Amino acid sequence: MLPSQSSHRQAFIDILANDIKNWSNDEAIPFYTAATRVLLKWLGYELDDITFIDGRDRGIDAWSATETSIDIFQIKTHDFTNEDLLDLHNFDGNGIRDLQNAKLLLLHDHAVNVNKKELKQLLYLRDSILHNRDLQDEQAEVSISLHLVILGNQLTPQAKDEFKVFEESNSQLCYVEGFKIPVRFHPSVYSI
């Protein structure tokens, strides 16, 4: 890597780290919670359009939806290093397993079976999208994007293999229990 590329990358990472620290301090929230918001903002999402799930999440840290699609976000971070820098080490397959859990939730669970308000809202919205398609007699698939955002360089080689298998397993249409409208999952990974 050329020195200019390396220094540009480090400047980018320093700005990102400062944004996360400032958000954490300004809002008096933990690093991880601030990182979730900052990373989605940096990816170009409007935070007002996103529902955040802070705490036990069943594979979902945040979500957004339109009348025809759903976006699920799983964010993975490491703590700061002893030198107060972002730890950008590679990530294992935990994030992929979280995406699998989110997929299972969306395919098999119902709002009455979950306690967290934000997950109930998501499942009610999923049902609404599917019901509307059914009422309009529209059989077009509903798109559900599963975004894994890692605050690090990349996935480990084993995690890359796990993601590839997961990605391939989503090539077929699925059906949510109790609905006849097809659903297609689209997994993706974002990294530094």
Protein backbone atom coordinates (compact mmCIF):
# COMPACT_ATOMS: atom_id res chain seq x y z
CA MET A 1 0.00 0.00 0.00
CA LEU A 2 1.31 3.44 -0.86
CA PRO A 3 1.99 5.80 2.07
CA SER A 4 -0.69 8.24 0.88
CA GLN A 5 -3.28 5.44 0.84
CA SER A 6 -2.20 4.28 4.28
CA SER A 7 -2.34 7.78 5.81
CA HIS A 8 -5.68 8.48 4.09
CA ARG A 9 -7.10 5.25 5.52
CA GLN A 10 -5.82 6.07 9.01
CA ALA A 11 -7.31 9.57 8.82
CA PHE A 12 -10.65 8.03 7.82
CA ILE A 13 -10.48 5.57 10.74
CA ASP A 14 -9.53 8.36 13.18
CA ILE A 15 -12.52 10.46 12.07
CA LEU A 16 -14.81 7.45 12.43
CA ALA A 17 -13.44 6.69 15.92
CA ASN A 18 -13.94 10.32 16.99
CA ASP A 19 -17.51 10.30 15.66
CA ILE A 20 -18.28 7.20 17.71
CA LYS A 21 -16.61 8.58 20.85
CA ASN A 22 -18.41 11.91 20.52
CA TRP A 23 -21.78 10.25 19.96
CA SER A 24 -21.18 7.99 22.95
CA ASN A 25 -20.23 10.94 25.18
CA ASP A 26 -22.94 13.32 23.92
CA GLU A 27 -25.73 10.79 24.28
CA ALA A 28 -24.27 9.04 27.37
CA ILE A 29 -24.59 5.65 25.67
CA PRO A 30 -22.14 2.73 25.45
CA PHE A 31 -19.55 2.56 22.67
CA TYR A 32 -21.34 -0.30 20.91
CA THR A 33 -24.67 1.55 20.85
CA ALA A 34 -23.02 4.69 19.48
CA ALA A 35 -21.08 2.66 16.90
CA THR A 36 -24.33 1.15 15.60
CA ARG A 37 -25.76 4.59 14.92
CA VAL A 38 -22.57 6.12 13.52
CA LEU A 39 -21.84 3.19 11.19
CA LEU A 40 -25.35 3.23 9.74
CA LYS A 41 -25.16 6.99 9.30
CA TRP A 42 -21.80 6.64 7.53
CA LEU A 43 -23.34 4.01 5.25
CA GLY A 44 -25.86 6.62 4.15
CA TYR A 45 -28.97 5.57 6.06
CA GLU A 46 -31.33 8.13 7.55
CA LEU A 47 -31.34 7.36 11.27
CA ASP A 48 -34.89 8.67 11.62
CA ASP A 49 -36.00 5.82 9.33
CA ILE A 50 -34.32 3.13 11.42
CA THR A 51 -35.59 1.36 14.52
CA PHE A 52 -32.74 0.49 16.88
CA ILE A 53 -32.83 -2.49 19.20
CA ASP A 54 -30.48 -1.97 22.10
CA GLY A 55 -29.90 -5.08 24.18
CA ARG A 56 -30.73 -8.71 23.44
CA ASP A 57 -31.59 -8.61 19.79
CA ARG A 58 -32.15 -12.13 18.38
CA GLY A 59 -29.71 -11.31 15.59
CA ILE A 60 -31.04 -7.81 14.90
CA ASP A 61 -29.45 -4.55 16.06
CA ALA A 62 -31.56 -2.29 13.89
CA TRP A 63 -34.11 -2.44 11.10
CA SER A 64 -35.94 -0.29 8.60
CA ALA A 65 -38.77 -1.05 6.23
CA THR A 66 -40.77 0.25 3.31
CA GLU A 67 -44.11 -0.96 1.99
CA THR A 68 -42.33 -3.67 0.00
CA SER A 69 -39.04 -4.50 1.71
CA ILE A 70 -37.23 -4.86 5.01
CA ASP A 71 -33.60 -4.12 5.91
CA ILE A 72 -32.05 -5.87 8.91
CA PHE A 73 -28.75 -4.68 10.39
CA GLN A 74 -26.36 -6.64 12.60
CA ILE A 75 -23.37 -4.59 13.82
CA LYS A 76 -20.17 -6.13 15.17
CA THR A 77 -17.44 -4.15 16.93
CA HIS A 78 -14.43 -4.76 19.13
CA ASP A 79 -13.63 -2.58 22.12
CA PHE A 80 -10.99 0.13 21.83
CA THR A 81 -7.38 -0.98 22.19
CA ASN A 82 -5.29 -0.04 25.22
CA GLU A 83 -3.99 2.90 23.14
CA ASP A 84 -7.60 4.17 22.73
CA LEU A 85 -7.69 3.21 19.04
CA LEU A 86 -10.32 1.25 17.16
CA ASP A 87 -9.55 -2.46 17.20
CA LEU A 88 -9.98 -3.49 13.56
CA HIS A 89 -9.08 -7.18 13.87
CA ASN A 90 -10.96 -9.64 11.72
CA PHE A 91 -14.32 -10.96 12.88
CA ASP A 92 -15.32 -14.58 13.34
CA GLY A 93 -18.63 -16.11 12.27
CA ASN A 94 -20.76 -14.76 15.14
CA GLY A 95 -22.22 -12.10 12.87
CA ILE A 96 -23.22 -14.69 10.27
CA ARG A 97 -24.92 -16.76 12.96
CA ASP A 98 -26.75 -13.60 14.06
CA LEU A 99 -28.01 -13.12 10.50
CA GLN A 100 -29.20 -16.74 10.51
CA ASN A 101 -31.06 -16.07 13.77
CA ALA A 102 -32.66 -12.95 12.27
CA LYS A 103 -33.76 -14.99 9.26
CA LEU A 104 -35.30 -17.66 11.50
CA LEU A 105 -37.10 -14.98 13.52
CA LEU A 106 -38.54 -13.46 10.35
CA LEU A 107 -39.61 -16.82 8.92
CA HIS A 108 -41.04 -18.52 11.99
CA ASP A 109 -41.85 -16.15 14.84
CA HIS A 110 -44.97 -14.13 15.47
CA ALA A 111 -45.31 -10.87 17.38
CA VAL A 112 -47.19 -12.51 20.26
CA ASN A 113 -44.14 -14.73 20.90
CA VAL A 114 -41.59 -11.94 21.41
CA ASN A 115 -41.24 -9.53 24.31
CA LYS A 116 -39.12 -6.72 22.89
CA LYS A 117 -41.31 -3.90 21.56
CA GLU A 118 -39.05 -3.17 18.56
CA LEU A 119 -39.12 -6.82 17.47
CA LYS A 120 -42.90 -6.93 17.84
CA GLN A 121 -43.12 -3.85 15.59
CA LEU A 122 -40.90 -5.54 13.02
CA LEU A 123 -43.00 -8.70 12.97
CA TYR A 124 -46.26 -6.73 12.74
CA LEU A 125 -44.79 -4.79 9.83
CA ARG A 126 -43.62 -7.99 8.12
CA ASP A 127 -47.15 -9.38 8.47
CA SER A 128 -48.65 -6.16 7.12
CA ILE A 129 -46.41 -6.22 4.04
CA LEU A 130 -47.31 -9.85 3.35
CA HIS A 131 -51.05 -9.28 3.96
CA ASN A 132 -51.09 -6.25 1.64
CA ARG A 133 -49.40 -8.25 -1.13
CA ASP A 134 -51.90 -11.06 -0.61
CA LEU A 135 -54.91 -8.71 -0.63
CA GLN A 136 -53.68 -7.13 -3.86
CA ASP A 137 -53.23 -10.64 -5.25
CA GLU A 138 -49.64 -9.67 -6.01
CA GLN A 139 -47.27 -12.64 -5.91
CA ALA A 140 -44.07 -10.61 -6.30
CA GLU A 141 -41.49 -11.56 -3.71
CA VAL A 142 -40.82 -9.47 -0.65
CA SER A 143 -37.16 -8.52 -0.33
CA ILE A 144 -35.44 -8.80 3.05
CA SER A 145 -31.85 -7.57 3.16
CA LEU A 146 -29.63 -8.90 5.93
CA HIS A 147 -26.71 -6.50 6.45
CA LEU A 148 -23.71 -7.51 8.55
CA VAL A 149 -21.68 -4.40 9.36
CA ILE A 150 -18.30 -5.08 10.93
CA LEU A 151 -16.12 -2.38 12.42
CA GLY A 152 -12.98 -4.14 11.30
CA ASN A 153 -10.90 -5.05 8.30
CA GLN A 154 -12.70 -8.21 7.23
CA LEU A 155 -14.06 -11.59 8.24
CA THR A 156 -11.71 -14.41 9.17
CA PRO A 157 -11.20 -17.00 6.40
CA GLN A 158 -13.53 -19.43 8.22
CA ALA A 159 -16.16 -16.70 8.63
CA LYS A 160 -15.87 -15.85 4.92
CA ASP A 161 -16.60 -19.50 4.14
CA GLU A 162 -19.58 -19.45 6.54
CA PHE A 163 -20.91 -16.32 4.88
CA LYS A 164 -20.57 -17.84 1.42
CA VAL A 165 -22.55 -20.91 2.52
CA PHE A 166 -25.19 -18.66 4.11
CA GLU A 167 -25.34 -16.52 0.98
CA GLU A 168 -25.83 -19.59 -1.21
CA SER A 169 -28.54 -20.93 1.12
CA ASN A 170 -30.56 -17.80 0.38
CA SER A 171 -30.74 -18.31 -3.37
CA GLN A 172 -34.18 -19.93 -3.06
CA LEU A 173 -37.45 -18.22 -2.24
CA CYS A 174 -38.78 -18.79 1.28
CA TYR A 175 -42.20 -18.51 2.85
CA VAL A 176 -43.10 -17.07 6.22
CA GLU A 177 -45.23 -19.48 8.21
CA GLY A 178 -48.89 -18.81 7.46
CA PHE A 179 -48.33 -16.75 4.29
CA LYS A 180 -48.26 -17.65 0.61
CA ILE A 181 -46.27 -14.61 -0.58
CA PRO A 182 -42.62 -15.52 -1.34
CA VAL A 183 -39.75 -13.88 0.52
CA ARG A 184 -36.15 -13.62 -0.65
CA PHE A 185 -33.27 -12.89 1.73
CA HIS A 186 -30.26 -10.90 0.49
CA PRO A 187 -27.23 -11.09 2.83
CA SER A 188 -24.35 -8.61 2.57
CA VAL A 189 -21.22 -7.69 4.55
CA TYR A 190 -19.78 -4.20 5.05
CA SER A 191 -16.30 -3.68 6.50
CA ILE A 192 -13.68 -0.96 6.84
